[in-house]
Amino acid sequence: YLLLAVLLITIGMASYAMFQIAYAAMAGEHGALPSGEIIRWM
């Protein structure tokens, strides 16, 4: 049950990080390279 709880937390945090990537990409300028914030979320 500990591993299942950790798995659920992992899925939630991965989806949160992917949402932050999309949010930062939509809010920022579109250049050739992603910003440092987007790379950190990746």
All heavy atoms as atom14 arrays in JSON, in Angstrom:
{
  "sequence": "YLLLAVLLITIGMASYAMFQIAYAAMAGEHGALPSGEIIRWM",
  "atom14_mask": [
    [1, 1, 1, 1, 1, 1, 1, 1, 1, 1, 1, 1, 0, 0],
    [1, 1, 1, 1, 1, 1, 1, 1, 0, 0, 0, 0, 0, 0],
    [1, 1, 1, 1, 1, 1, 1, 1, 0, 0, 0, 0, 0, 0],
    [1, 1, 1, 1, 1, 1, 1, 1, 0, 0, 0, 0, 0, 0],
    [1, 1, 1, 1, 1, 0, 0, 0, 0, 0, 0, 0, 0, 0],
    [1, 1, 1, 1, 1, 1, 1, 0, 0, 0, 0, 0, 0, 0],
    [1, 1, 1, 1, 1, 1, 1, 1, 0, 0, 0, 0, 0, 0],
    [1, 1, 1, 1, 1, 1, 1, 1, 0, 0, 0, 0, 0, 0],
    [1, 1, 1, 1, 1, 1, 1, 1, 0, 0, 0, 0, 0, 0],
    [1, 1, 1, 1, 1, 1, 1, 0, 0, 0, 0, 0, 0, 0],
    [1, 1, 1, 1, 1, 1, 1, 1, 0, 0, 0, 0, 0, 0],
    [1, 1, 1, 1, 0, 0, 0, 0, 0, 0, 0, 0, 0, 0],
    [1, 1, 1, 1, 1, 1, 1, 1, 0, 0, 0, 0, 0, 0],
    [1, 1, 1, 1, 1, 0, 0, 0, 0, 0, 0, 0, 0, 0],
    [1, 1, 1, 1, 1, 1, 0, 0, 0, 0, 0, 0, 0, 0],
    [1, 1, 1, 1, 1, 1, 1, 1, 1, 1, 1, 1, 0, 0],
    [1, 1, 1, 1, 1, 0, 0, 0, 0, 0, 0, 0, 0, 0],
    [1, 1, 1, 1, 1, 1, 1, 1, 0, 0, 0, 0, 0, 0],
    [1, 1, 1, 1, 1, 1, 1, 1, 1, 1, 1, 0, 0, 0],
    [1, 1, 1, 1, 1, 1, 1, 1, 1, 0, 0, 0, 0, 0],
    [1, 1, 1, 1, 1, 1, 1, 1, 0, 0, 0, 0, 0, 0],
    [1, 1, 1, 1, 1, 0, 0, 0, 0, 0, 0, 0, 0, 0],
    [1, 1, 1, 1, 1, 1, 1, 1, 1, 1, 1, 1, 0, 0],
    [1, 1, 1, 1, 1, 0, 0, 0, 0, 0, 0, 0, 0, 0],
    [1, 1, 1, 1, 1, 0, 0, 0, 0, 0, 0, 0, 0, 0],
    [1, 1, 1, 1, 1, 1, 1, 1, 0, 0, 0, 0, 0, 0],
    [1, 1, 1, 1, 1, 0, 0, 0, 0, 0, 0, 0, 0, 0],
    [1, 1, 1, 1, 0, 0, 0, 0, 0, 0, 0, 0, 0, 0],
    [1, 1, 1, 1, 1, 1, 1, 1, 1, 0, 0, 0, 0, 0],
    [1, 1, 1, 1, 1, 1, 1, 1, 1, 1, 0, 0, 0, 0],
    [1, 1, 1, 1, 0, 0, 0, 0, 0, 0, 0, 0, 0, 0],
    [1, 1, 1, 1, 1, 0, 0, 0, 0, 0, 0, 0, 0, 0],
    [1, 1, 1, 1, 1, 1, 1, 1, 0, 0, 0, 0, 0, 0],
    [1, 1, 1, 1, 1, 1, 1, 0, 0, 0, 0, 0, 0, 0],
    [1, 1, 1, 1, 1, 1, 0, 0, 0, 0, 0, 0, 0, 0],
    [1, 1, 1, 1, 0, 0, 0, 0, 0, 0, 0, 0, 0, 0],
    [1, 1, 1, 1, 1, 1, 1, 1, 1, 0, 0, 0, 0, 0],
    [1, 1, 1, 1, 1, 1, 1, 1, 0, 0, 0, 0, 0, 0],
    [1, 1, 1, 1, 1, 1, 1, 1, 0, 0, 0, 0, 0, 0],
    [1, 1, 1, 1, 1, 1, 1, 1, 1, 1, 1, 0, 0, 0],
    [1, 1, 1, 1, 1, 1, 1, 1, 1, 1, 1, 1, 1, 1],
    [1, 1, 1, 1, 1, 1, 1, 1, 0, 0, 0, 0, 0, 0]
  ],
  "atom14_positions": [
    [[0.82, -1.21, 0.0], [0.0, 0.0, 0.0], [0.86, 1.26, 0.0], [0.46, 2.28, -0.56], [-0.96, -0.02, 1.18], [-1.95, -1.15, 1.06], [-1.91, -2.23, 1.91], [-2.92, -1.13, 0.06], [-2.8, -3.28, 1.78], [-3.81, -2.17, -0.09], [-3.76, -3.24, 0.78], [-4.65, -4.27, 0.64], [0.0, 0.0, 0.0], [0.0, 0.0, 0.0]],
    [[2.03, 1.2, 0.6], [2.96, 2.32, 0.53], [3.39, 2.55, -0.91], [3.38, 3.69, -1.39], [4.19, 2.06, 1.41], [5.34, 3.06, 1.24], [4.96, 4.4, 1.82], [6.61, 2.53, 1.84], [0.0, 0.0, 0.0], [0.0, 0.0, 0.0], [0.0, 0.0, 0.0], [0.0, 0.0, 0.0], [0.0, 0.0, 0.0], [0.0, 0.0, 0.0]],
    [[3.74, 1.48, -1.61], [4.17, 1.62, -3.0], [3.03, 2.08, -3.9], [3.24, 2.85, -4.83], [4.76, 0.31, -3.5], [6.12, -0.06, -2.9], [6.51, -1.46, -3.32], [7.17, 0.95, -3.3], [0.0, 0.0, 0.0], [0.0, 0.0, 0.0], [0.0, 0.0, 0.0], [0.0, 0.0, 0.0], [0.0, 0.0, 0.0], [0.0, 0.0, 0.0]],
    [[1.81, 1.64, -3.62], [0.67, 2.12, -4.4], [0.41, 3.6, -4.14], [0.09, 4.35, -5.07], [-0.58, 1.3, -4.08], [-0.6, -0.12, -4.64], [-1.82, -0.88, -4.12], [-0.6, -0.09, -6.15], [0.0, 0.0, 0.0], [0.0, 0.0, 0.0], [0.0, 0.0, 0.0], [0.0, 0.0, 0.0], [0.0, 0.0, 0.0], [0.0, 0.0, 0.0]],
    [[0.55, 4.03, -2.89], [0.37, 5.45, -2.57], [1.45, 6.29, -3.23], [1.17, 7.37, -3.78], [0.38, 5.64, -1.05], [0.0, 0.0, 0.0], [0.0, 0.0, 0.0], [0.0, 0.0, 0.0], [0.0, 0.0, 0.0], [0.0, 0.0, 0.0], [0.0, 0.0, 0.0], [0.0, 0.0, 0.0], [0.0, 0.0, 0.0], [0.0, 0.0, 0.0]],
    [[2.68, 5.8, -3.22], [3.78, 6.51, -3.88], [3.54, 6.56, -5.38], [3.82, 7.57, -6.03], [5.13, 5.84, -3.53], [6.25, 6.36, -4.41], [5.46, 6.07, -2.07], [0.0, 0.0, 0.0], [0.0, 0.0, 0.0], [0.0, 0.0, 0.0], [0.0, 0.0, 0.0], [0.0, 0.0, 0.0], [0.0, 0.0, 0.0], [0.0, 0.0, 0.0]],
    [[2.99, 5.51, -5.94], [2.68, 5.49, -7.37], [1.63, 6.54, -7.71], [1.75, 7.26, -8.71], [2.21, 4.09, -7.79], [1.97, 3.88, -9.28], [3.24, 4.07, -10.07], [1.4, 2.5, -9.52], [0.0, 0.0, 0.0], [0.0, 0.0, 0.0], [0.0, 0.0, 0.0], [0.0, 0.0, 0.0], [0.0, 0.0, 0.0], [0.0, 0.0, 0.0]],
    [[0.61, 6.67, -6.88], [-0.41, 7.69, -7.12], [0.15, 9.09, -6.99], [-0.19, 9.98, -7.78], [-1.59, 7.49, -6.16], [-2.47, 6.28, -6.44], [-3.54, 6.15, -5.36], [-3.11, 6.39, -7.8], [0.0, 0.0, 0.0], [0.0, 0.0, 0.0], [0.0, 0.0, 0.0], [0.0, 0.0, 0.0], [0.0, 0.0, 0.0], [0.0, 0.0, 0.0]],
    [[1.01, 9.31, -6.01], [1.65, 10.62, -5.86], [2.53, 10.9, -7.07], [2.54, 12.02, -7.59], [2.47, 10.66, -4.55], [1.54, 10.63, -3.35], [3.36, 11.9, -4.5], [2.24, 10.42, -2.03], [0.0, 0.0, 0.0], [0.0, 0.0, 0.0], [0.0, 0.0, 0.0], [0.0, 0.0, 0.0], [0.0, 0.0, 0.0], [0.0, 0.0, 0.0]],
    [[3.23, 9.9, -7.55], [4.1, 10.06, -8.72], [3.3, 10.43, -9.95], [3.68, 11.33, -10.7], [4.9, 8.77, -8.97], [5.56, 8.39, -7.78], [5.91, 8.97, -10.07], [0.0, 0.0, 0.0], [0.0, 0.0, 0.0], [0.0, 0.0, 0.0], [0.0, 0.0, 0.0], [0.0, 0.0, 0.0], [0.0, 0.0, 0.0], [0.0, 0.0, 0.0]],
    [[2.19, 9.75, -10.16], [1.34, 10.06, -11.32], [0.81, 11.49, -11.22], [0.79, 12.24, -12.2], [0.2, 9.03, -11.43], [0.75, 7.66, -11.81], [-0.85, 9.49, -12.44], [-0.27, 6.54, -11.7], [0.0, 0.0, 0.0], [0.0, 0.0, 0.0], [0.0, 0.0, 0.0], [0.0, 0.0, 0.0], [0.0, 0.0, 0.0], [0.0, 0.0, 0.0]],
    [[0.37, 11.86, -10.02], [-0.14, 13.22, -9.83], [0.91, 14.29, -10.05], [0.64, 15.31, -10.69], [0.0, 0.0, 0.0], [0.0, 0.0, 0.0], [0.0, 0.0, 0.0], [0.0, 0.0, 0.0], [0.0, 0.0, 0.0], [0.0, 0.0, 0.0], [0.0, 0.0, 0.0], [0.0, 0.0, 0.0], [0.0, 0.0, 0.0], [0.0, 0.0, 0.0]],
    [[2.11, 14.07, -9.54], [3.15, 15.08, -9.69], [3.67, 15.14, -11.13], [4.02, 16.22, -11.6], [4.3, 14.8, -8.72], [3.92, 14.94, -7.26], [2.99, 16.43, -6.83], [4.19, 17.69, -7.1], [0.0, 0.0, 0.0], [0.0, 0.0, 0.0], [0.0, 0.0, 0.0], [0.0, 0.0, 0.0], [0.0, 0.0, 0.0], [0.0, 0.0, 0.0]],
    [[3.7, 14.02, -11.83], [4.1, 14.05, -13.24], [3.08, 14.81, -14.06], [3.44, 15.61, -14.94], [4.27, 12.63, -13.77], [0.0, 0.0, 0.0], [0.0, 0.0, 0.0], [0.0, 0.0, 0.0], [0.0, 0.0, 0.0], [0.0, 0.0, 0.0], [0.0, 0.0, 0.0], [0.0, 0.0, 0.0], [0.0, 0.0, 0.0], [0.0, 0.0, 0.0]],
    [[1.8, 14.61, -13.79], [0.78, 15.35, -14.53], [0.81, 16.83, -14.17], [0.6, 17.69, -15.04], [-0.61, 14.76, -14.28], [-0.95, 14.85, -12.92], [0.0, 0.0, 0.0], [0.0, 0.0, 0.0], [0.0, 0.0, 0.0], [0.0, 0.0, 0.0], [0.0, 0.0, 0.0], [0.0, 0.0, 0.0], [0.0, 0.0, 0.0], [0.0, 0.0, 0.0]],
    [[1.1, 17.16, -12.92], [1.24, 18.56, -12.52], [2.42, 19.22, -13.25], [2.31, 20.35, -13.73], [1.44, 18.65, -11.01], [1.66, 20.05, -10.49], [0.62, 20.96, -10.42], [2.92, 20.45, -10.06], [0.83, 22.24, -9.94], [3.14, 21.72, -9.58], [2.09, 22.61, -9.52], [2.3, 23.87, -9.06], [0.0, 0.0, 0.0], [0.0, 0.0, 0.0]],
    [[3.53, 18.49, -13.35], [4.7, 19.03, -14.05], [4.4, 19.22, -15.54], [4.82, 20.22, -16.13], [5.91, 18.11, -13.86], [0.0, 0.0, 0.0], [0.0, 0.0, 0.0], [0.0, 0.0, 0.0], [0.0, 0.0, 0.0], [0.0, 0.0, 0.0], [0.0, 0.0, 0.0], [0.0, 0.0, 0.0], [0.0, 0.0, 0.0], [0.0, 0.0, 0.0]],
    [[3.67, 18.29, -16.14], [3.31, 18.45, -17.56], [2.38, 19.64, -17.75], [2.48, 20.36, -18.75], [2.69, 17.16, -18.08], [3.71, 16.07, -18.3], [3.03, 14.61, -19.07], [2.59, 13.65, -17.64], [0.0, 0.0, 0.0], [0.0, 0.0, 0.0], [0.0, 0.0, 0.0], [0.0, 0.0, 0.0], [0.0, 0.0, 0.0], [0.0, 0.0, 0.0]],
    [[1.47, 19.87, -16.81], [0.61, 21.05, -16.88], [1.43, 22.32, -16.78], [1.18, 23.29, -17.49], [-0.44, 21.01, -15.76], [-1.24, 22.27, -15.66], [-2.25, 22.53, -16.56], [-0.95, 23.21, -14.69], [-2.97, 23.71, -16.48], [-1.66, 24.38, -14.61], [-2.69, 24.64, -15.51], [0.0, 0.0, 0.0], [0.0, 0.0, 0.0], [0.0, 0.0, 0.0]],
    [[2.42, 22.34, -15.9], [3.27, 23.51, -15.76], [4.09, 23.78, -17.03], [4.34, 24.93, -17.37], [4.2, 23.36, -14.55], [3.5, 23.46, -13.23], [2.89, 24.83, -12.99], [3.38, 25.83, -13.48], [1.81, 24.85, -12.25], [0.0, 0.0, 0.0], [0.0, 0.0, 0.0], [0.0, 0.0, 0.0], [0.0, 0.0, 0.0], [0.0, 0.0, 0.0]],
    [[4.49, 22.71, -17.72], [5.19, 22.88, -19.0], [4.28, 23.56, -20.0], [4.68, 24.52, -20.67], [5.68, 21.51, -19.54], [6.8, 20.96, -18.68], [6.16, 21.65, -20.99], [7.15, 19.53, -19.01], [0.0, 0.0, 0.0], [0.0, 0.0, 0.0], [0.0, 0.0, 0.0], [0.0, 0.0, 0.0], [0.0, 0.0, 0.0], [0.0, 0.0, 0.0]],
    [[3.05, 23.1, -20.09], [2.1, 23.69, -21.04], [1.78, 25.13, -20.66], [1.71, 26.02, -21.52], [0.83, 22.86, -21.08], [0.0, 0.0, 0.0], [0.0, 0.0, 0.0], [0.0, 0.0, 0.0], [0.0, 0.0, 0.0], [0.0, 0.0, 0.0], [0.0, 0.0, 0.0], [0.0, 0.0, 0.0], [0.0, 0.0, 0.0], [0.0, 0.0, 0.0]],
    [[1.61, 25.39, -19.37], [1.3, 26.74, -18.9], [2.45, 27.7, -19.18], [2.25, 28.82, -19.67], [0.98, 26.71, -17.41], [0.6, 28.04, -16.84], [-0.67, 28.57, -17.06], [1.5, 28.77, -16.07], [-1.02, 29.8, -16.54], [1.15, 29.99, -15.55], [-0.11, 30.51, -15.78], [-0.45, 31.73, -15.27], [0.0, 0.0, 0.0], [0.0, 0.0, 0.0]],
    [[3.68, 27.28, -18.9], [4.84, 28.13, -19.14], [5.08, 28.34, -20.64], [5.5, 29.42, -21.05], [6.08, 27.54, -18.48], [0.0, 0.0, 0.0], [0.0, 0.0, 0.0], [0.0, 0.0, 0.0], [0.0, 0.0, 0.0], [0.0, 0.0, 0.0], [0.0, 0.0, 0.0], [0.0, 0.0, 0.0], [0.0, 0.0, 0.0], [0.0, 0.0, 0.0]],
    [[4.79, 27.33, -21.42], [4.98, 27.46, -22.86], [3.96, 28.41, -23.47], [4.27, 29.16, -24.39], [4.89, 26.09, -23.53], [0.0, 0.0, 0.0], [0.0, 0.0, 0.0], [0.0, 0.0, 0.0], [0.0, 0.0, 0.0], [0.0, 0.0, 0.0], [0.0, 0.0, 0.0], [0.0, 0.0, 0.0], [0.0, 0.0, 0.0], [0.0, 0.0, 0.0]],
    [[2.75, 28.38, -22.95], [1.72, 29.29, -23.48], [1.96, 30.73, -23.03], [1.65, 31.66, -23.76], [0.34, 28.84, -23.01], [-0.12, 27.54, -23.61], [-0.42, 27.66, -25.36], [-1.89, 28.65, -25.35], [0.0, 0.0, 0.0], [0.0, 0.0, 0.0], [0.0, 0.0, 0.0], [0.0, 0.0, 0.0], [0.0, 0.0, 0.0], [0.0, 0.0, 0.0]],
    [[2.51, 30.91, -21.85], [2.7, 32.26, -21.32], [3.97, 32.93, -21.85], [4.05, 34.14, -21.88], [2.76, 32.21, -19.79], [0.0, 0.0, 0.0], [0.0, 0.0, 0.0], [0.0, 0.0, 0.0], [0.0, 0.0, 0.0], [0.0, 0.0, 0.0], [0.0, 0.0, 0.0], [0.0, 0.0, 0.0], [0.0, 0.0, 0.0], [0.0, 0.0, 0.0]],
    [[4.94, 32.13, -22.24], [6.23, 32.69, -22.65], [6.3, 32.99, -24.13], [5.37, 32.75, -24.9], [0.0, 0.0, 0.0], [0.0, 0.0, 0.0], [0.0, 0.0, 0.0], [0.0, 0.0, 0.0], [0.0, 0.0, 0.0], [0.0, 0.0, 0.0], [0.0, 0.0, 0.0], [0.0, 0.0, 0.0], [0.0, 0.0, 0.0], [0.0, 0.0, 0.0]],
    [[7.44, 33.53, -24.5], [7.69, 33.8, -25.91], [8.08, 32.5, -26.61], [8.67, 31.61, -26.01], [8.81, 34.82, -26.05], [8.47, 36.17, -25.47], [9.61, 37.15, -25.62], [10.55, 36.85, -26.38], [9.55, 38.2, -24.99], [0.0, 0.0, 0.0], [0.0, 0.0, 0.0], [0.0, 0.0, 0.0], [0.0, 0.0, 0.0], [0.0, 0.0, 0.0]],
    [[7.78, 32.43, -27.86], [8.08, 31.22, -28.62], [9.38, 31.43, -29.39], [9.41, 32.13, -30.39], [6.93, 30.88, -29.57], [5.64, 30.65, -28.85], [5.42, 29.51, -28.11], [4.53, 31.38, -28.72], [4.22, 29.56, -27.57], [3.66, 30.7, -27.92], [0.0, 0.0, 0.0], [0.0, 0.0, 0.0], [0.0, 0.0, 0.0], [0.0, 0.0, 0.0]],
    [[10.43, 30.82, -28.89], [11.73, 30.91, -29.54], [12.19, 29.55, -30.01], [11.43, 28.57, -30.01], [0.0, 0.0, 0.0], [0.0, 0.0, 0.0], [0.0, 0.0, 0.0], [0.0, 0.0, 0.0], [0.0, 0.0, 0.0], [0.0, 0.0, 0.0], [0.0, 0.0, 0.0], [0.0, 0.0, 0.0], [0.0, 0.0, 0.0], [0.0, 0.0, 0.0]],
    [[13.44, 29.48, -30.39], [13.99, 28.22, -30.87], [14.25, 27.25, -29.72], [14.08, 26.04, -29.88], [15.27, 28.47, -31.64], [0.0, 0.0, 0.0], [0.0, 0.0, 0.0], [0.0, 0.0, 0.0], [0.0, 0.0, 0.0], [0.0, 0.0, 0.0], [0.0, 0.0, 0.0], [0.0, 0.0, 0.0], [0.0, 0.0, 0.0], [0.0, 0.0, 0.0]],
    [[14.64, 27.78, -28.57], [14.95, 26.94, -27.43], [13.98, 27.23, -26.29], [13.57, 28.37, -26.1], [16.39, 27.2, -26.95], [17.5, 26.85, -27.92], [18.84, 27.3, -27.38], [17.52, 25.36, -28.18], [0.0, 0.0, 0.0], [0.0, 0.0, 0.0], [0.0, 0.0, 0.0], [0.0, 0.0, 0.0], [0.0, 0.0, 0.0], [0.0, 0.0, 0.0]],
    [[13.62, 26.2, -25.52], [12.74, 26.46, -24.38], [13.48, 27.21, -23.27], [14.71, 27.15, -23.17], [12.32, 25.07, -23.92], [13.36, 24.16, -24.45], [13.91, 24.79, -25.69], [0.0, 0.0, 0.0], [0.0, 0.0, 0.0], [0.0, 0.0, 0.0], [0.0, 0.0, 0.0], [0.0, 0.0, 0.0], [0.0, 0.0, 0.0], [0.0, 0.0, 0.0]],
    [[12.72, 27.9, -22.45], [13.33, 28.66, -21.36], [13.82, 27.72, -20.27], [13.53, 26.52, -20.26], [12.31, 29.65, -20.79], [11.27, 28.94, -20.14], [0.0, 0.0, 0.0], [0.0, 0.0, 0.0], [0.0, 0.0, 0.0], [0.0, 0.0, 0.0], [0.0, 0.0, 0.0], [0.0, 0.0, 0.0], [0.0, 0.0, 0.0], [0.0, 0.0, 0.0]],
    [[14.55, 28.28, -19.33], [15.08, 27.48, -18.23], [13.98, 26.9, -17.36], [14.11, 25.79, -16.84], [0.0, 0.0, 0.0], [0.0, 0.0, 0.0], [0.0, 0.0, 0.0], [0.0, 0.0, 0.0], [0.0, 0.0, 0.0], [0.0, 0.0, 0.0], [0.0, 0.0, 0.0], [0.0, 0.0, 0.0], [0.0, 0.0, 0.0], [0.0, 0.0, 0.0]],
    [[12.89, 27.64, -17.22], [11.77, 27.15, -16.42], [11.13, 25.91, -17.06], [10.83, 24.94, -16.38], [10.73, 28.26, -16.26], [9.54, 27.86, -15.44], [8.5, 28.96, -15.38], [8.65, 29.99, -16.05], [7.5, 28.75, -14.66], [0.0, 0.0, 0.0], [0.0, 0.0, 0.0], [0.0, 0.0, 0.0], [0.0, 0.0, 0.0], [0.0, 0.0, 0.0]],
    [[10.96, 25.96, -18.36], [10.37, 24.82, -19.06], [11.29, 23.61, -18.99], [10.84, 22.47, -18.79], [10.03, 25.19, -20.52], [8.93, 26.24, -20.53], [9.6, 23.97, -21.31], [8.61, 26.78, -21.89], [0.0, 0.0, 0.0], [0.0, 0.0, 0.0], [0.0, 0.0, 0.0], [0.0, 0.0, 0.0], [0.0, 0.0, 0.0], [0.0, 0.0, 0.0]],
    [[12.6, 23.84, -19.13], [13.56, 22.72, -19.04], [13.51, 22.11, -17.64], [13.58, 20.89, -17.49], [14.97, 23.21, -19.41], [15.02, 23.52, -20.9], [16.02, 22.16, -19.06], [16.3, 24.15, -21.37], [0.0, 0.0, 0.0], [0.0, 0.0, 0.0], [0.0, 0.0, 0.0], [0.0, 0.0, 0.0], [0.0, 0.0, 0.0], [0.0, 0.0, 0.0]],
    [[13.39, 22.94, -16.61], [13.32, 22.42, -15.24], [12.08, 21.55, -15.07], [12.13, 20.46, -14.49], [13.3, 23.58, -14.25], [13.27, 23.13, -12.81], [13.29, 24.31, -11.91], [12.11, 25.13, -12.17], [11.38, 25.69, -11.22], [11.74, 25.58, -9.98], [10.33, 26.4, -11.53], [0.0, 0.0, 0.0], [0.0, 0.0, 0.0], [0.0, 0.0, 0.0]],
    [[10.93, 22.01, -15.59], [9.71, 21.2, -15.48], [9.81, 19.93, -16.3], [9.26, 18.88, -15.92], [8.49, 22.01, -15.9], [8.09, 23.04, -14.9], [8.16, 24.38, -15.04], [7.59, 22.8, -13.58], [7.73, 24.99, -13.89], [7.38, 24.06, -12.98], [7.32, 21.65, -12.85], [6.89, 24.19, -11.69], [6.83, 21.79, -11.56], [6.62, 23.04, -10.99]],
    [[10.52, 19.97, -17.43], [10.73, 18.76, -18.23], [11.58, 17.75, -17.47], [11.32, 16.54, -17.53], [11.37, 19.12, -19.57], [10.44, 19.85, -20.51], [11.26, 20.55, -21.94], [11.65, 19.08, -22.84], [0.0, 0.0, 0.0], [0.0, 0.0, 0.0], [0.0, 0.0, 0.0], [0.0, 0.0, 0.0], [0.0, 0.0, 0.0], [0.0, 0.0, 0.0]]
  ]
}
